[in-house]
Amino acid sequence: GVNLDVAPSAILLPDHAVGWLHDMIGQQPDAVEAKIVEVSAPKGLPDQLISALDARLATAMGLAQSAYLVAVTYDSGARGHVLAFVAAVPDAQNALSQTASEALTFSGIEAGAMDIGFFDADAPILKKMEAVALRFDLPQPQEIVTQVRAAPGSDPENPPKLK
């Protein structure tokens, strides 16, 4: 059951739905290495995928600087789309991969595929990607500025004045 007795969205899921959800969330992306030889603007992607990516990446605060969605051609001649994460925290790469995979899975696209890449902020290919990509800026944590105020009477040069 989901949201039982706490929200209007309460629902009991059938066992096959829970099994499907478990299978979808449990999938791990395959790690491969390939060389990108050409990048271009992403084409033919459904709006629901773009919306799903935008919503999911908005929750990845501080895990990467940004992400670029581009169409690519690899040195093998294969073509596809890549979601390129820029300056990702190394320990967050699995979480970012899972986030992107879930966005693809839950966007409603059947048999959709998208590659995921991780690039340093100074990688030369990023200039080409920036020119044609659909960019997602991931939220960054705000620096907290605290004002330190001395306790009354702690400065011997400026003692408190008692009346």
N, C-alpha and C. Protein backbone atom coordinates (compact mmCIF):
# COMPACT_ATOMS: atom_id res chain seq x y z
N GLY A 1 0.82 -1.18 0.00
CA GLY A 1 0.00 0.00 0.00
C GLY A 1 0.87 1.24 0.00
N VAL A 2 0.39 2.28 -0.64
CA VAL A 2 1.09 3.56 -0.71
C VAL A 2 0.17 4.64 -0.17
N ASN A 3 0.69 5.45 0.75
CA ASN A 3 -0.04 6.58 1.34
C ASN A 3 -1.37 6.17 2.00
N LEU A 4 -1.42 5.01 2.58
CA LEU A 4 -2.64 4.53 3.20
C LEU A 4 -3.04 5.42 4.37
N ASP A 5 -4.27 5.85 4.40
CA ASP A 5 -4.84 6.67 5.47
C ASP A 5 -4.15 8.01 5.69
N VAL A 6 -3.34 8.47 4.73
CA VAL A 6 -2.67 9.76 4.94
C VAL A 6 -2.86 10.74 3.78
N ALA A 7 -3.34 10.26 2.65
CA ALA A 7 -3.46 11.16 1.50
C ALA A 7 -4.54 10.64 0.55
N PRO A 8 -5.10 11.54 -0.25
CA PRO A 8 -6.10 11.10 -1.25
C PRO A 8 -5.50 10.18 -2.31
N SER A 9 -4.18 10.16 -2.41
CA SER A 9 -3.53 9.31 -3.40
C SER A 9 -3.31 7.88 -2.89
N ALA A 10 -3.93 7.51 -1.79
CA ALA A 10 -3.77 6.16 -1.23
C ALA A 10 -4.15 5.12 -2.27
N ILE A 11 -3.34 4.07 -2.34
CA ILE A 11 -3.59 3.02 -3.33
C ILE A 11 -2.97 1.71 -2.85
N LEU A 12 -3.64 0.62 -3.20
CA LEU A 12 -3.08 -0.71 -3.00
C LEU A 12 -2.59 -1.20 -4.36
N LEU A 13 -1.33 -1.53 -4.44
CA LEU A 13 -0.76 -2.01 -5.70
C LEU A 13 -0.84 -3.53 -5.78
N PRO A 14 -1.19 -4.05 -6.95
CA PRO A 14 -1.20 -5.51 -7.10
C PRO A 14 0.24 -6.05 -7.06
N ASP A 15 0.38 -7.32 -6.72
CA ASP A 15 1.71 -7.91 -6.57
C ASP A 15 2.55 -7.81 -7.84
N HIS A 16 1.93 -7.92 -9.04
CA HIS A 16 2.72 -7.83 -10.26
C HIS A 16 3.27 -6.42 -10.47
N ALA A 17 2.55 -5.39 -9.98
CA ALA A 17 3.04 -4.01 -10.08
C ALA A 17 4.24 -3.80 -9.16
N VAL A 18 4.18 -4.36 -7.96
CA VAL A 18 5.29 -4.25 -7.03
C VAL A 18 6.50 -4.99 -7.59
N GLY A 19 6.28 -6.15 -8.20
CA GLY A 19 7.37 -6.90 -8.83
C GLY A 19 8.00 -6.11 -9.97
N TRP A 20 7.17 -5.48 -10.81
CA TRP A 20 7.69 -4.66 -11.91
C TRP A 20 8.51 -3.50 -11.37
N LEU A 21 7.99 -2.83 -10.34
CA LEU A 21 8.70 -1.70 -9.74
C LEU A 21 10.05 -2.14 -9.18
N HIS A 22 10.06 -3.27 -8.51
CA HIS A 22 11.31 -3.81 -7.97
C HIS A 22 12.32 -4.09 -9.09
N ASP A 23 11.86 -4.68 -10.17
CA ASP A 23 12.75 -4.97 -11.30
C ASP A 23 13.30 -3.69 -11.94
N MET A 24 12.45 -2.68 -12.09
CA MET A 24 12.87 -1.42 -12.72
C MET A 24 13.88 -0.67 -11.87
N ILE A 25 13.62 -0.59 -10.58
CA ILE A 25 14.52 0.13 -9.70
C ILE A 25 15.81 -0.64 -9.49
N GLY A 26 15.75 -1.94 -9.55
CA GLY A 26 16.94 -2.76 -9.32
C GLY A 26 17.89 -2.85 -10.50
N GLN A 27 17.51 -2.34 -11.67
CA GLN A 27 18.39 -2.42 -12.83
C GLN A 27 19.59 -1.52 -12.65
N GLN A 28 20.74 -2.03 -13.01
CA GLN A 28 21.98 -1.26 -12.96
C GLN A 28 22.47 -1.05 -14.38
N PRO A 29 22.92 0.18 -14.69
CA PRO A 29 23.43 0.43 -16.04
C PRO A 29 24.72 -0.34 -16.28
N ASP A 30 24.96 -0.69 -17.53
CA ASP A 30 26.20 -1.36 -17.91
C ASP A 30 27.28 -0.31 -18.11
N ALA A 31 28.48 -0.57 -17.62
CA ALA A 31 29.59 0.35 -17.79
C ALA A 31 30.35 -0.03 -19.06
N VAL A 32 30.49 0.91 -19.96
CA VAL A 32 31.25 0.70 -21.19
C VAL A 32 32.06 1.96 -21.47
N GLU A 33 33.08 1.81 -22.30
CA GLU A 33 33.86 2.96 -22.72
C GLU A 33 33.73 3.08 -24.22
N ALA A 34 33.48 4.29 -24.67
CA ALA A 34 33.37 4.56 -26.10
C ALA A 34 33.85 5.98 -26.35
N LYS A 35 34.35 6.22 -27.54
CA LYS A 35 34.85 7.55 -27.89
C LYS A 35 33.81 8.27 -28.73
N ILE A 36 33.44 9.46 -28.27
CA ILE A 36 32.49 10.29 -29.01
C ILE A 36 33.25 11.01 -30.10
N VAL A 37 32.77 10.89 -31.35
CA VAL A 37 33.43 11.57 -32.46
C VAL A 37 32.62 12.74 -33.00
N GLU A 38 31.32 12.77 -32.68
CA GLU A 38 30.48 13.87 -33.17
C GLU A 38 29.34 14.11 -32.19
N VAL A 39 29.05 15.39 -31.96
CA VAL A 39 27.90 15.74 -31.12
C VAL A 39 26.98 16.66 -31.90
N SER A 40 25.69 16.54 -31.61
CA SER A 40 24.71 17.41 -32.24
C SER A 40 23.54 17.59 -31.27
N ALA A 41 22.63 18.46 -31.64
CA ALA A 41 21.46 18.72 -30.79
C ALA A 41 20.62 17.46 -30.67
N PRO A 42 20.05 17.22 -29.50
CA PRO A 42 19.20 16.05 -29.34
C PRO A 42 17.95 16.18 -30.20
N LYS A 43 17.56 15.07 -30.83
CA LYS A 43 16.38 15.09 -31.72
C LYS A 43 15.45 13.93 -31.39
N GLY A 44 14.17 14.20 -31.56
CA GLY A 44 13.17 13.14 -31.47
C GLY A 44 12.90 12.63 -30.07
N LEU A 45 13.31 13.37 -29.06
CA LEU A 45 13.05 12.92 -27.70
C LEU A 45 11.69 13.43 -27.24
N PRO A 46 10.88 12.58 -26.65
CA PRO A 46 9.56 13.00 -26.20
C PRO A 46 9.63 13.99 -25.04
N ASP A 47 8.65 14.86 -25.00
CA ASP A 47 8.59 15.87 -23.94
C ASP A 47 8.52 15.23 -22.56
N GLN A 48 7.87 14.07 -22.44
CA GLN A 48 7.77 13.45 -21.11
C GLN A 48 9.13 13.01 -20.59
N LEU A 49 10.07 12.66 -21.48
CA LEU A 49 11.42 12.32 -21.03
C LEU A 49 12.14 13.57 -20.53
N ILE A 50 12.04 14.65 -21.28
CA ILE A 50 12.70 15.90 -20.87
C ILE A 50 12.14 16.36 -19.52
N SER A 51 10.83 16.29 -19.37
CA SER A 51 10.19 16.68 -18.10
C SER A 51 10.64 15.77 -16.96
N ALA A 52 10.72 14.48 -17.23
CA ALA A 52 11.13 13.52 -16.19
C ALA A 52 12.58 13.77 -15.79
N LEU A 53 13.45 14.03 -16.76
CA LEU A 53 14.85 14.32 -16.44
C LEU A 53 14.95 15.60 -15.62
N ASP A 54 14.23 16.62 -16.03
CA ASP A 54 14.27 17.89 -15.32
C ASP A 54 13.82 17.72 -13.87
N ALA A 55 12.75 16.98 -13.66
CA ALA A 55 12.23 16.76 -12.31
C ALA A 55 13.20 15.94 -11.46
N ARG A 56 13.76 14.90 -12.04
CA ARG A 56 14.66 14.03 -11.27
C ARG A 56 15.99 14.72 -10.97
N LEU A 57 16.52 15.46 -11.96
CA LEU A 57 17.81 16.12 -11.74
C LEU A 57 17.69 17.28 -10.75
N ALA A 58 16.50 17.82 -10.59
CA ALA A 58 16.29 18.89 -9.63
C ALA A 58 16.48 18.40 -8.19
N THR A 59 16.46 17.10 -7.99
CA THR A 59 16.64 16.53 -6.65
C THR A 59 18.10 16.15 -6.38
N ALA A 60 18.98 16.33 -7.36
CA ALA A 60 20.37 15.89 -7.23
C ALA A 60 21.27 17.04 -6.77
N MET A 61 20.88 17.71 -5.73
CA MET A 61 21.61 18.89 -5.25
C MET A 61 23.05 18.58 -4.90
N GLY A 62 23.95 19.32 -5.53
CA GLY A 62 25.37 19.23 -5.21
C GLY A 62 26.08 18.00 -5.73
N LEU A 63 25.40 17.14 -6.49
CA LEU A 63 26.05 15.91 -6.97
C LEU A 63 26.84 16.13 -8.25
N ALA A 64 26.52 17.18 -9.00
CA ALA A 64 27.25 17.55 -10.22
C ALA A 64 26.98 19.02 -10.49
N GLN A 65 27.80 19.61 -11.33
CA GLN A 65 27.61 21.01 -11.67
C GLN A 65 26.43 21.19 -12.61
N SER A 66 26.36 20.37 -13.66
CA SER A 66 25.29 20.46 -14.65
C SER A 66 25.27 19.15 -15.43
N ALA A 67 24.31 19.08 -16.36
CA ALA A 67 24.22 17.91 -17.25
C ALA A 67 23.81 18.41 -18.63
N TYR A 68 24.37 17.80 -19.67
CA TYR A 68 24.05 18.14 -21.05
C TYR A 68 23.45 16.92 -21.73
N LEU A 69 22.33 17.12 -22.40
CA LEU A 69 21.72 16.06 -23.19
C LEU A 69 22.03 16.34 -24.65
N VAL A 70 22.75 15.43 -25.29
CA VAL A 70 23.16 15.62 -26.69
C VAL A 70 22.99 14.32 -27.48
N ALA A 71 22.88 14.49 -28.80
CA ALA A 71 22.93 13.35 -29.70
C ALA A 71 24.41 13.13 -30.03
N VAL A 72 24.82 11.89 -30.13
CA VAL A 72 26.23 11.59 -30.38
C VAL A 72 26.39 10.51 -31.44
N THR A 73 27.57 10.52 -32.04
CA THR A 73 28.03 9.43 -32.88
C THR A 73 29.34 8.95 -32.27
N TYR A 74 29.46 7.64 -32.09
CA TYR A 74 30.67 7.05 -31.50
C TYR A 74 31.64 6.62 -32.60
N ASP A 75 32.86 6.33 -32.21
CA ASP A 75 33.87 5.88 -33.17
C ASP A 75 33.50 4.56 -33.82
N SER A 76 32.59 3.82 -33.22
CA SER A 76 32.12 2.56 -33.81
C SER A 76 31.06 2.78 -34.89
N GLY A 77 30.59 4.04 -35.00
CA GLY A 77 29.52 4.37 -35.94
C GLY A 77 28.15 4.36 -35.30
N ALA A 78 28.06 3.85 -34.08
CA ALA A 78 26.77 3.81 -33.37
C ALA A 78 26.34 5.23 -33.04
N ARG A 79 25.02 5.44 -33.03
CA ARG A 79 24.45 6.75 -32.69
C ARG A 79 23.51 6.59 -31.51
N GLY A 80 23.34 7.66 -30.80
CA GLY A 80 22.43 7.63 -29.66
C GLY A 80 22.40 8.98 -28.97
N HIS A 81 21.90 8.98 -27.76
CA HIS A 81 21.85 10.19 -26.95
C HIS A 81 22.64 9.94 -25.67
N VAL A 82 23.30 11.00 -25.21
CA VAL A 82 24.10 10.92 -23.98
C VAL A 82 23.64 12.02 -23.03
N LEU A 83 23.47 11.65 -21.78
CA LEU A 83 23.30 12.63 -20.72
C LEU A 83 24.67 12.74 -20.06
N ALA A 84 25.34 13.88 -20.31
CA ALA A 84 26.71 14.09 -19.85
C ALA A 84 26.71 14.91 -18.57
N PHE A 85 27.14 14.30 -17.49
CA PHE A 85 27.25 15.01 -16.22
C PHE A 85 28.59 15.71 -16.14
N VAL A 86 28.57 16.98 -15.76
CA VAL A 86 29.79 17.79 -15.68
C VAL A 86 30.20 17.95 -14.22
N ALA A 87 31.47 17.64 -13.95
CA ALA A 87 32.05 17.81 -12.62
C ALA A 87 31.23 17.09 -11.55
N ALA A 88 30.92 15.84 -11.79
CA ALA A 88 30.15 15.06 -10.82
C ALA A 88 31.05 14.65 -9.66
N VAL A 89 30.48 14.61 -8.49
CA VAL A 89 31.18 14.10 -7.32
C VAL A 89 31.44 12.61 -7.58
N PRO A 90 32.69 12.15 -7.49
CA PRO A 90 32.98 10.75 -7.84
C PRO A 90 32.11 9.72 -7.12
N ASP A 91 31.86 9.92 -5.85
CA ASP A 91 31.04 8.96 -5.10
C ASP A 91 29.57 9.03 -5.46
N ALA A 92 29.17 10.03 -6.25
CA ALA A 92 27.77 10.20 -6.62
C ALA A 92 27.45 9.67 -8.02
N GLN A 93 28.43 9.14 -8.72
CA GLN A 93 28.19 8.69 -10.09
C GLN A 93 27.13 7.60 -10.18
N ASN A 94 27.15 6.64 -9.27
CA ASN A 94 26.12 5.59 -9.29
C ASN A 94 24.73 6.17 -9.03
N ALA A 95 24.63 7.10 -8.08
CA ALA A 95 23.34 7.71 -7.77
C ALA A 95 22.83 8.52 -8.96
N LEU A 96 23.71 9.25 -9.64
CA LEU A 96 23.30 10.02 -10.81
C LEU A 96 22.87 9.11 -11.95
N SER A 97 23.59 8.02 -12.15
CA SER A 97 23.22 7.04 -13.18
C SER A 97 21.85 6.46 -12.88
N GLN A 98 21.60 6.13 -11.63
CA GLN A 98 20.32 5.56 -11.23
C GLN A 98 19.20 6.59 -11.41
N THR A 99 19.48 7.84 -11.08
CA THR A 99 18.49 8.91 -11.23
C THR A 99 18.09 9.07 -12.69
N ALA A 100 19.08 9.11 -13.59
CA ALA A 100 18.80 9.25 -15.02
C ALA A 100 18.07 8.02 -15.56
N SER A 101 18.46 6.85 -15.09
CA SER A 101 17.80 5.61 -15.52
C SER A 101 16.34 5.58 -15.09
N GLU A 102 16.07 6.02 -13.87
CA GLU A 102 14.68 6.06 -13.39
C GLU A 102 13.85 7.07 -14.18
N ALA A 103 14.45 8.20 -14.53
CA ALA A 103 13.72 9.19 -15.33
C ALA A 103 13.32 8.58 -16.67
N LEU A 104 14.23 7.84 -17.28
CA LEU A 104 13.94 7.19 -18.56
C LEU A 104 12.87 6.12 -18.38
N THR A 105 13.00 5.30 -17.35
CA THR A 105 12.05 4.22 -17.09
C THR A 105 10.65 4.74 -16.82
N PHE A 106 10.55 5.76 -15.97
CA PHE A 106 9.25 6.24 -15.54
C PHE A 106 8.68 7.34 -16.43
N SER A 107 9.35 7.63 -17.54
CA SER A 107 8.82 8.64 -18.47
C SER A 107 7.76 8.05 -19.40
N GLY A 108 7.60 6.72 -19.36
CA GLY A 108 6.59 6.08 -20.18
C GLY A 108 7.08 5.66 -21.54
N ILE A 109 8.36 5.83 -21.81
CA ILE A 109 8.91 5.45 -23.11
C ILE A 109 9.27 3.97 -23.07
N GLU A 110 8.72 3.23 -23.99
CA GLU A 110 9.02 1.80 -24.07
C GLU A 110 10.33 1.60 -24.83
N ALA A 111 11.20 0.77 -24.33
CA ALA A 111 12.46 0.40 -24.97
C ALA A 111 13.34 1.60 -25.27
N GLY A 112 13.26 2.63 -24.42
CA GLY A 112 14.11 3.80 -24.59
C GLY A 112 15.51 3.51 -24.10
N ALA A 113 16.49 4.15 -24.71
CA ALA A 113 17.88 3.99 -24.30
C ALA A 113 18.56 5.34 -24.29
N MET A 114 19.43 5.53 -23.33
CA MET A 114 20.19 6.76 -23.23
C MET A 114 21.49 6.41 -22.51
N ASP A 115 22.60 6.87 -23.06
CA ASP A 115 23.88 6.65 -22.42
C ASP A 115 24.12 7.76 -21.40
N ILE A 116 24.93 7.46 -20.42
CA ILE A 116 25.26 8.42 -19.37
C ILE A 116 26.77 8.52 -19.31
N GLY A 117 27.27 9.75 -19.29
CA GLY A 117 28.72 9.96 -19.23
C GLY A 117 29.08 10.95 -18.14
N PHE A 118 30.31 10.87 -17.69
CA PHE A 118 30.81 11.75 -16.65
C PHE A 118 32.07 12.43 -17.18
N PHE A 119 32.08 13.77 -17.11
CA PHE A 119 33.15 14.55 -17.69
C PHE A 119 33.67 15.57 -16.69
N ASP A 120 35.00 15.76 -16.68
CA ASP A 120 35.58 16.83 -15.87
C ASP A 120 35.17 18.16 -16.46
N ALA A 121 35.15 19.20 -15.64
CA ALA A 121 34.70 20.52 -16.08
C ALA A 121 35.56 21.09 -17.20
N ASP A 122 36.80 20.61 -17.32
CA ASP A 122 37.69 21.13 -18.36
C ASP A 122 37.85 20.18 -19.55
N ALA A 123 36.98 19.18 -19.67
CA ALA A 123 37.07 18.23 -20.79
C ALA A 123 36.83 18.97 -22.11
N PRO A 124 37.69 18.77 -23.12
CA PRO A 124 37.56 19.50 -24.39
C PRO A 124 36.22 19.27 -25.10
N ILE A 125 35.63 18.11 -24.98
CA ILE A 125 34.38 17.81 -25.68
C ILE A 125 33.22 18.66 -25.16
N LEU A 126 33.34 19.19 -23.95
CA LEU A 126 32.24 19.97 -23.37
C LEU A 126 31.95 21.25 -24.14
N LYS A 127 32.96 21.86 -24.74
CA LYS A 127 32.72 23.06 -25.55
C LYS A 127 31.79 22.74 -26.72
N LYS A 128 32.00 21.59 -27.35
CA LYS A 128 31.12 21.18 -28.45
C LYS A 128 29.72 20.87 -27.93
N MET A 129 29.65 20.23 -26.77
CA MET A 129 28.35 19.90 -26.19
C MET A 129 27.58 21.16 -25.81
N GLU A 130 28.26 22.12 -25.19
CA GLU A 130 27.60 23.36 -24.76
C GLU A 130 26.90 24.07 -25.91
N ALA A 131 27.49 23.98 -27.09
CA ALA A 131 26.95 24.69 -28.25
C ALA A 131 25.62 24.11 -28.74
N VAL A 132 25.37 22.84 -28.50
CA VAL A 132 24.19 22.19 -29.07
C VAL A 132 23.29 21.50 -28.05
N ALA A 133 23.72 21.40 -26.82
CA ALA A 133 23.04 20.57 -25.82
C ALA A 133 21.79 21.21 -25.24
N LEU A 134 20.96 20.36 -24.73
CA LEU A 134 19.89 20.77 -23.82
C LEU A 134 20.53 20.69 -22.44
N ARG A 135 20.64 21.83 -21.77
CA ARG A 135 21.39 21.90 -20.51
C ARG A 135 20.46 21.83 -19.31
N PHE A 136 20.89 21.07 -18.32
CA PHE A 136 20.20 20.98 -17.03
C PHE A 136 21.18 21.48 -15.96
N ASP A 137 20.83 22.56 -15.29
CA ASP A 137 21.65 23.05 -14.19
C ASP A 137 21.17 22.39 -12.92
N LEU A 138 22.04 21.63 -12.28
CA LEU A 138 21.67 20.96 -11.04
C LEU A 138 21.78 21.97 -9.89
N PRO A 139 20.85 21.92 -8.94
CA PRO A 139 20.91 22.85 -7.82
C PRO A 139 22.18 22.64 -7.00
N GLN A 140 22.73 23.73 -6.52
CA GLN A 140 23.94 23.68 -5.71
C GLN A 140 23.60 24.13 -4.30
N PRO A 141 24.27 23.53 -3.31
CA PRO A 141 24.01 23.95 -1.93
C PRO A 141 24.43 25.41 -1.75
N GLN A 142 23.66 26.13 -0.99
CA GLN A 142 23.97 27.53 -0.70
C GLN A 142 24.96 27.59 0.46
N GLU A 143 25.93 28.48 0.31
CA GLU A 143 26.89 28.67 1.38
C GLU A 143 26.20 29.43 2.51
N ILE A 144 26.32 28.92 3.70
CA ILE A 144 25.68 29.54 4.85
C ILE A 144 26.66 30.52 5.48
N VAL A 145 26.25 31.76 5.56
CA VAL A 145 27.08 32.80 6.17
C VAL A 145 26.52 33.07 7.55
N THR A 146 27.35 32.87 8.54
CA THR A 146 26.92 33.14 9.90
C THR A 146 27.72 34.32 10.44
N GLN A 147 27.05 35.16 11.14
CA GLN A 147 27.69 36.32 11.72
C GLN A 147 28.06 35.97 13.15
N VAL A 148 29.33 36.12 13.45
CA VAL A 148 29.80 35.83 14.80
C VAL A 148 29.75 37.14 15.58
N ARG A 149 29.03 37.10 16.64
CA ARG A 149 28.88 38.29 17.48
C ARG A 149 29.50 37.99 18.85
N ALA A 150 30.37 38.88 19.25
CA ALA A 150 31.05 38.68 20.53
C ALA A 150 30.04 38.80 21.68
N ALA A 151 30.27 38.02 22.68
CA ALA A 151 29.42 38.06 23.87
C ALA A 151 29.64 39.38 24.61
N PRO A 152 28.60 39.96 25.17
CA PRO A 152 28.75 41.20 25.91
C PRO A 152 29.77 41.05 27.04
N GLY A 153 30.69 42.01 27.11
CA GLY A 153 31.69 42.00 28.17
C GLY A 153 32.92 41.19 27.85
N SER A 154 33.00 40.57 26.65
CA SER A 154 34.16 39.75 26.33
C SER A 154 35.31 40.55 25.72
N ASP A 155 35.07 41.81 25.35
CA ASP A 155 36.11 42.67 24.79
C ASP A 155 36.58 43.64 25.86
N PRO A 156 37.81 43.48 26.39
CA PRO A 156 38.28 44.37 27.46
C PRO A 156 38.44 45.82 27.00
N GLU A 157 38.58 46.06 25.72
CA GLU A 157 38.69 47.42 25.19
C GLU A 157 37.32 48.10 25.13
N ASN A 158 36.28 47.34 25.17
CA ASN A 158 34.94 47.89 25.08
C ASN A 158 34.04 47.23 26.14
N PRO A 159 34.25 47.54 27.40
CA PRO A 159 33.46 46.90 28.45
C PRO A 159 32.01 47.39 28.43
N PRO A 160 31.11 46.56 28.94
CA PRO A 160 29.71 46.99 28.98
C PRO A 160 29.53 48.16 29.94
N LYS A 161 28.61 48.99 29.60
CA LYS A 161 28.31 50.14 30.46
C LYS A 161 27.09 49.83 31.31
N LEU A 162 27.30 49.85 32.58
CA LEU A 162 26.22 49.53 33.52
C LEU A 162 25.67 50.83 34.10
N LYS A 163 24.40 50.99 34.18
CA LYS A 163 23.79 52.19 34.74
C LYS A 163 23.12 51.89 36.03
